[in-house]
N, C-alpha and C. Protein backbone atom coordinates (compact mmCIF):
# COMPACT_ATOMS: atom_id res chain seq x y z
N ASP A 1 47.37 2.60 92.36
CA ASP A 1 47.33 3.81 91.56
C ASP A 1 45.88 4.15 91.22
N TRP A 2 45.63 5.42 91.04
CA TRP A 2 44.31 5.87 90.66
C TRP A 2 44.44 7.16 89.87
N ALA A 3 43.41 7.49 89.14
CA ALA A 3 43.37 8.74 88.39
C ALA A 3 41.93 9.24 88.35
N LEU A 4 41.75 10.54 88.46
CA LEU A 4 40.43 11.14 88.31
C LEU A 4 40.32 11.67 86.89
N ILE A 5 39.19 11.42 86.26
CA ILE A 5 38.98 11.90 84.90
C ILE A 5 37.64 12.62 84.82
N VAL A 6 37.52 13.50 83.87
CA VAL A 6 36.27 14.17 83.58
C VAL A 6 35.77 13.61 82.26
N ILE A 7 34.52 13.15 82.26
CA ILE A 7 33.94 12.62 81.03
C ILE A 7 33.26 13.77 80.30
N THR A 8 33.77 14.08 79.10
CA THR A 8 33.21 15.18 78.31
C THR A 8 32.55 14.70 77.03
N SER A 9 32.76 13.45 76.66
CA SER A 9 32.19 12.92 75.43
C SER A 9 30.68 12.78 75.57
N GLU A 10 29.94 13.44 74.69
CA GLU A 10 28.48 13.35 74.71
C GLU A 10 28.01 11.91 74.47
N ASP A 11 28.74 11.16 73.63
CA ASP A 11 28.37 9.77 73.37
C ASP A 11 28.45 8.93 74.64
N VAL A 12 29.52 9.10 75.41
CA VAL A 12 29.68 8.35 76.66
C VAL A 12 28.63 8.77 77.67
N LEU A 13 28.40 10.07 77.83
CA LEU A 13 27.40 10.55 78.78
C LEU A 13 26.01 10.06 78.41
N THR A 14 25.68 10.04 77.13
CA THR A 14 24.38 9.54 76.68
C THR A 14 24.24 8.06 76.97
N SER A 15 25.30 7.29 76.73
CA SER A 15 25.27 5.85 77.01
C SER A 15 25.08 5.57 78.49
N LEU A 16 25.76 6.32 79.35
CA LEU A 16 25.62 6.15 80.79
C LEU A 16 24.20 6.49 81.25
N ALA A 17 23.64 7.56 80.70
CA ALA A 17 22.27 7.94 81.06
C ALA A 17 21.27 6.88 80.61
N ALA A 18 21.50 6.29 79.43
CA ALA A 18 20.60 5.24 78.93
C ALA A 18 20.64 4.01 79.82
N LEU A 19 21.82 3.64 80.30
CA LEU A 19 21.92 2.50 81.22
C LEU A 19 21.11 2.76 82.48
N ASP A 20 21.21 3.97 83.01
CA ASP A 20 20.53 4.31 84.25
C ASP A 20 19.01 4.28 84.08
N THR A 21 18.50 4.79 82.97
CA THR A 21 17.05 4.86 82.78
C THR A 21 16.45 3.55 82.30
N ASN A 22 17.25 2.68 81.71
CA ASN A 22 16.73 1.41 81.20
C ASN A 22 16.94 0.25 82.16
N GLY A 23 17.31 0.54 83.40
CA GLY A 23 17.47 -0.52 84.39
C GLY A 23 18.75 -1.31 84.23
N GLY A 24 19.70 -0.80 83.46
CA GLY A 24 20.98 -1.49 83.29
C GLY A 24 21.93 -1.12 84.40
N TYR A 25 23.16 -1.56 84.28
CA TYR A 25 24.19 -1.26 85.26
C TYR A 25 24.66 0.16 85.04
N ALA A 26 24.37 1.06 85.96
CA ALA A 26 24.73 2.46 85.81
C ALA A 26 25.92 2.86 86.67
N GLY A 27 26.43 1.94 87.45
CA GLY A 27 27.58 2.26 88.29
C GLY A 27 27.22 2.33 89.75
N PRO A 28 28.20 2.65 90.57
CA PRO A 28 28.01 2.62 92.03
C PRO A 28 27.11 3.74 92.54
N LYS A 29 26.44 3.46 93.64
CA LYS A 29 25.61 4.45 94.32
C LYS A 29 26.41 5.18 95.39
N GLN A 30 27.28 4.45 96.11
CA GLN A 30 28.16 5.03 97.13
C GLN A 30 29.27 4.04 97.42
N VAL A 31 30.32 4.51 98.08
CA VAL A 31 31.44 3.63 98.44
C VAL A 31 31.07 2.87 99.71
N SER A 32 31.23 1.56 99.67
CA SER A 32 30.97 0.73 100.84
C SER A 32 32.06 0.98 101.88
N PRO A 33 31.69 1.17 103.15
CA PRO A 33 32.71 1.42 104.18
C PRO A 33 33.56 0.20 104.51
N GLY A 34 33.13 -0.97 104.10
CA GLY A 34 33.86 -2.21 104.33
C GLY A 34 33.37 -3.28 103.39
N LEU A 35 34.08 -4.39 103.35
CA LEU A 35 33.68 -5.47 102.45
C LEU A 35 33.08 -6.61 103.25
N ARG A 36 32.14 -7.31 102.62
CA ARG A 36 31.50 -8.47 103.22
C ARG A 36 31.20 -9.46 102.11
N ALA A 37 30.97 -10.71 102.47
CA ALA A 37 30.59 -11.70 101.47
C ALA A 37 29.27 -11.26 100.85
N ALA A 38 29.22 -11.20 99.52
CA ALA A 38 28.02 -10.69 98.86
C ALA A 38 27.98 -11.11 97.40
N ARG A 39 26.78 -11.06 96.82
CA ARG A 39 26.64 -11.17 95.37
C ARG A 39 27.01 -9.81 94.80
N ILE A 40 27.77 -9.83 93.72
CA ILE A 40 28.26 -8.58 93.13
C ILE A 40 27.87 -8.50 91.66
N ALA A 41 28.05 -7.32 91.11
CA ALA A 41 27.86 -7.09 89.68
C ALA A 41 28.99 -6.18 89.21
N THR A 42 29.31 -6.32 87.94
CA THR A 42 30.32 -5.47 87.32
C THR A 42 30.00 -5.33 85.85
N HIS A 43 30.73 -4.50 85.18
CA HIS A 43 30.62 -4.36 83.72
C HIS A 43 32.03 -4.37 83.18
N THR A 44 32.43 -5.49 82.55
CA THR A 44 33.79 -5.61 82.02
C THR A 44 33.81 -5.27 80.54
N SER A 45 34.98 -4.93 80.05
CA SER A 45 35.10 -4.61 78.63
C SER A 45 34.91 -5.84 77.75
N SER A 46 35.21 -7.02 78.29
CA SER A 46 35.13 -8.24 77.48
C SER A 46 33.76 -8.90 77.48
N SER A 47 33.06 -8.86 78.62
CA SER A 47 31.80 -9.61 78.74
C SER A 47 30.59 -8.74 79.01
N GLY A 48 30.78 -7.46 79.22
CA GLY A 48 29.65 -6.60 79.57
C GLY A 48 29.22 -6.86 81.00
N TYR A 49 27.90 -6.89 81.23
CA TYR A 49 27.35 -7.08 82.58
C TYR A 49 27.66 -8.49 83.06
N VAL A 50 28.28 -8.59 84.24
CA VAL A 50 28.67 -9.89 84.82
C VAL A 50 28.34 -9.86 86.31
N THR A 51 27.89 -11.00 86.83
CA THR A 51 27.66 -11.15 88.26
C THR A 51 28.72 -12.07 88.85
N GLY A 52 28.71 -12.19 90.17
CA GLY A 52 29.67 -13.06 90.84
C GLY A 52 29.51 -12.99 92.34
N THR A 53 30.52 -13.51 93.04
CA THR A 53 30.49 -13.57 94.50
C THR A 53 31.78 -13.00 95.06
N LEU A 54 31.65 -12.14 96.07
CA LEU A 54 32.79 -11.51 96.74
C LEU A 54 33.07 -12.25 98.04
N SER A 55 34.34 -12.52 98.31
CA SER A 55 34.77 -13.09 99.59
C SER A 55 35.16 -11.94 100.51
N GLU A 56 34.80 -12.06 101.78
CA GLU A 56 35.13 -10.99 102.73
C GLU A 56 36.51 -11.15 103.36
N THR A 57 37.21 -12.24 103.04
CA THR A 57 38.53 -12.50 103.62
C THR A 57 39.61 -11.74 102.87
N PRO A 58 40.36 -10.86 103.54
CA PRO A 58 41.42 -10.14 102.84
C PRO A 58 42.59 -11.06 102.50
N LEU A 59 43.20 -10.79 101.38
CA LEU A 59 44.42 -11.48 100.94
C LEU A 59 45.48 -10.40 100.72
N TYR A 60 46.73 -10.81 100.70
CA TYR A 60 47.81 -9.85 100.49
C TYR A 60 48.68 -10.34 99.35
N THR A 61 48.90 -9.47 98.38
CA THR A 61 49.68 -9.84 97.20
C THR A 61 50.54 -8.66 96.78
N ARG A 62 51.60 -8.99 96.07
CA ARG A 62 52.45 -7.96 95.49
C ARG A 62 52.17 -7.96 94.00
N LEU A 63 51.56 -6.90 93.53
CA LEU A 63 51.18 -6.79 92.13
C LEU A 63 52.42 -6.51 91.28
N PRO A 64 52.35 -6.82 89.98
CA PRO A 64 53.50 -6.57 89.10
C PRO A 64 53.97 -5.11 89.20
N ASN A 65 55.27 -4.93 89.21
CA ASN A 65 55.92 -3.62 89.28
C ASN A 65 55.68 -2.89 90.60
N SER A 66 55.27 -3.62 91.63
CA SER A 66 55.05 -3.02 92.94
C SER A 66 56.13 -3.49 93.90
N MET A 67 56.48 -2.64 94.84
CA MET A 67 57.50 -2.98 95.82
C MET A 67 56.90 -3.45 97.15
N SER A 68 55.60 -3.26 97.32
CA SER A 68 54.98 -3.61 98.60
C SER A 68 53.76 -4.51 98.39
N PHE A 69 53.35 -5.15 99.46
CA PHE A 69 52.16 -6.00 99.42
C PHE A 69 50.92 -5.13 99.59
N GLN A 70 49.86 -5.51 98.89
CA GLN A 70 48.59 -4.79 98.93
C GLN A 70 47.48 -5.70 99.42
N GLU A 71 46.54 -5.14 100.17
CA GLU A 71 45.36 -5.90 100.59
C GLU A 71 44.38 -5.95 99.42
N VAL A 72 43.97 -7.16 99.06
CA VAL A 72 43.01 -7.36 97.98
C VAL A 72 41.94 -8.35 98.46
N TYR A 73 40.86 -8.44 97.70
CA TYR A 73 39.78 -9.36 98.01
C TYR A 73 39.45 -10.17 96.77
N LYS A 74 39.09 -11.44 96.97
CA LYS A 74 38.82 -12.35 95.87
C LYS A 74 37.35 -12.24 95.44
N VAL A 75 37.16 -12.21 94.13
CA VAL A 75 35.83 -12.23 93.53
C VAL A 75 35.79 -13.41 92.56
N GLN A 76 34.77 -14.24 92.66
CA GLN A 76 34.54 -15.31 91.68
C GLN A 76 33.46 -14.81 90.74
N LEU A 77 33.86 -14.48 89.52
CA LEU A 77 32.91 -14.00 88.52
C LEU A 77 32.20 -15.16 87.84
N ASP A 78 31.00 -14.92 87.35
CA ASP A 78 30.24 -15.93 86.63
C ASP A 78 30.56 -15.90 85.14
N ALA A 79 31.72 -15.40 84.79
CA ALA A 79 32.21 -15.33 83.41
C ALA A 79 33.73 -15.29 83.47
N VAL A 80 34.36 -15.50 82.32
CA VAL A 80 35.82 -15.44 82.27
C VAL A 80 36.27 -13.99 82.13
N LEU A 81 37.54 -13.76 82.39
CA LEU A 81 38.14 -12.44 82.25
C LEU A 81 38.97 -12.37 80.98
N ALA A 82 39.31 -11.17 80.57
CA ALA A 82 40.18 -10.97 79.41
C ALA A 82 41.06 -9.75 79.68
N ASN A 83 42.13 -9.63 78.90
CA ASN A 83 42.96 -8.43 78.99
C ASN A 83 42.07 -7.21 78.81
N GLY A 84 42.28 -6.21 79.64
CA GLY A 84 41.49 -4.99 79.56
C GLY A 84 40.38 -4.91 80.59
N ASP A 85 40.15 -5.99 81.35
CA ASP A 85 39.08 -5.98 82.35
C ASP A 85 39.50 -5.34 83.67
N CYS A 86 40.81 -5.17 83.89
CA CYS A 86 41.26 -4.51 85.11
C CYS A 86 40.70 -3.09 85.14
N GLY A 87 40.34 -2.65 86.32
CA GLY A 87 39.73 -1.34 86.48
C GLY A 87 38.22 -1.39 86.56
N SER A 88 37.62 -2.52 86.19
CA SER A 88 36.16 -2.64 86.27
C SER A 88 35.72 -2.54 87.72
N GLY A 89 34.71 -1.72 87.97
CA GLY A 89 34.19 -1.54 89.32
C GLY A 89 33.36 -2.74 89.75
N ILE A 90 33.46 -3.09 91.03
CA ILE A 90 32.70 -4.19 91.61
C ILE A 90 31.70 -3.58 92.60
N VAL A 91 30.40 -3.81 92.34
CA VAL A 91 29.36 -3.24 93.20
C VAL A 91 28.50 -4.34 93.79
N ASP A 92 27.87 -4.04 94.92
CA ASP A 92 26.91 -4.95 95.53
C ASP A 92 25.72 -5.07 94.59
N ALA A 93 25.32 -6.30 94.26
CA ALA A 93 24.25 -6.53 93.29
C ALA A 93 22.91 -5.99 93.77
N LYS A 94 22.70 -5.91 95.07
CA LYS A 94 21.42 -5.41 95.60
C LYS A 94 21.43 -3.91 95.87
N THR A 95 22.48 -3.43 96.52
CA THR A 95 22.49 -2.02 96.96
C THR A 95 23.17 -1.07 95.99
N GLY A 96 24.05 -1.60 95.13
CA GLY A 96 24.82 -0.75 94.23
C GLY A 96 26.03 -0.11 94.88
N ASP A 97 26.29 -0.44 96.16
CA ASP A 97 27.47 0.11 96.85
C ASP A 97 28.75 -0.38 96.18
N LEU A 98 29.71 0.52 96.01
CA LEU A 98 30.99 0.18 95.38
C LEU A 98 31.91 -0.50 96.37
N TYR A 99 32.35 -1.72 96.05
CA TYR A 99 33.31 -2.44 96.88
C TYR A 99 34.74 -2.17 96.46
N GLY A 100 34.99 -2.04 95.17
CA GLY A 100 36.35 -1.82 94.70
C GLY A 100 36.45 -1.99 93.20
N HIS A 101 37.69 -2.17 92.72
CA HIS A 101 37.91 -2.37 91.29
C HIS A 101 38.92 -3.49 91.07
N ILE A 102 38.78 -4.15 89.94
CA ILE A 102 39.64 -5.29 89.61
C ILE A 102 41.07 -4.81 89.36
N VAL A 103 42.03 -5.47 90.03
CA VAL A 103 43.45 -5.15 89.83
C VAL A 103 44.23 -6.33 89.27
N ALA A 104 43.66 -7.53 89.33
CA ALA A 104 44.33 -8.72 88.81
C ALA A 104 43.28 -9.82 88.66
N GLY A 105 43.62 -10.85 87.90
CA GLY A 105 42.69 -11.96 87.75
C GLY A 105 43.23 -13.05 86.85
N CYS A 106 42.45 -14.12 86.75
CA CYS A 106 42.79 -15.26 85.90
C CYS A 106 41.78 -15.34 84.77
N GLU A 107 42.26 -15.30 83.55
CA GLU A 107 41.37 -15.30 82.39
C GLU A 107 40.49 -16.54 82.30
N THR A 108 41.01 -17.69 82.68
CA THR A 108 40.25 -18.93 82.47
C THR A 108 39.28 -19.28 83.59
N THR A 109 39.59 -18.88 84.83
CA THR A 109 38.74 -19.27 85.96
C THR A 109 37.70 -18.22 86.33
N GLY A 110 37.89 -16.98 85.89
CA GLY A 110 36.98 -15.91 86.30
C GLY A 110 37.24 -15.41 87.70
N ILE A 111 38.36 -15.81 88.30
CA ILE A 111 38.72 -15.30 89.62
C ILE A 111 39.43 -13.96 89.43
N ALA A 112 38.94 -12.96 90.15
CA ALA A 112 39.53 -11.63 90.09
C ALA A 112 39.88 -11.19 91.50
N TYR A 113 40.81 -10.26 91.58
CA TYR A 113 41.19 -9.68 92.86
C TYR A 113 40.93 -8.19 92.78
N ILE A 114 40.30 -7.65 93.84
CA ILE A 114 39.93 -6.24 93.82
C ILE A 114 40.62 -5.47 94.94
N MET A 115 40.89 -4.22 94.65
CA MET A 115 41.38 -3.27 95.64
C MET A 115 40.13 -2.62 96.24
N ALA A 116 40.06 -2.57 97.58
CA ALA A 116 38.88 -2.02 98.26
C ALA A 116 38.74 -0.52 97.98
N ALA A 117 37.55 -0.11 97.60
CA ALA A 117 37.29 1.29 97.26
C ALA A 117 37.49 2.22 98.45
N HIS A 118 37.17 1.76 99.66
CA HIS A 118 37.33 2.66 100.81
C HIS A 118 38.81 2.97 101.07
N HIS A 119 39.71 2.04 100.71
CA HIS A 119 41.14 2.33 100.85
C HIS A 119 41.58 3.35 99.79
N VAL A 120 41.09 3.20 98.57
CA VAL A 120 41.44 4.13 97.50
C VAL A 120 40.90 5.52 97.82
N LEU A 121 39.65 5.58 98.30
CA LEU A 121 39.04 6.86 98.65
C LEU A 121 39.83 7.56 99.77
N LYS A 122 40.27 6.79 100.75
CA LYS A 122 41.07 7.37 101.84
C LYS A 122 42.37 7.95 101.29
N ASP A 123 43.01 7.23 100.37
CA ASP A 123 44.25 7.71 99.76
C ASP A 123 43.99 9.00 98.98
N MET A 124 42.87 9.06 98.26
CA MET A 124 42.52 10.27 97.52
C MET A 124 42.33 11.45 98.47
N GLU A 125 41.62 11.21 99.56
CA GLU A 125 41.37 12.29 100.52
C GLU A 125 42.67 12.82 101.12
N GLU A 126 43.64 11.93 101.35
CA GLU A 126 44.91 12.35 101.92
C GLU A 126 45.77 13.12 100.92
N ARG A 127 45.63 12.81 99.64
CA ARG A 127 46.50 13.42 98.63
C ARG A 127 45.90 14.67 97.97
N LEU A 128 44.59 14.78 97.98
CA LEU A 128 43.96 15.92 97.28
C LEU A 128 43.66 17.07 98.21
């Protein structure tokens, strides 16, 4: 599932601009056409800026309330996860390319599973 939103809050827009100008995590630069083993970065609601490692091997899982299996990729974060971290974008730590977003994970191990952004983008293009 995905949703497009428009950010209208001046507070949020100001915060995003400050991250970009102060060398913080400002978000993805572009969607990566594929996934590869890489160092990644994200910004979670529980821990803020977090780094980790992405595995390029696809896995298949059936997420809660889903009827079909989905292709996901494993990320080992350098911090633990908490409720509310799903949806956090995963970007290449060097290039800023968007790999995907967290759809599941383990709170104690910091292992997260991401949906590939290029698959989501393709679905958006087909539906919009």
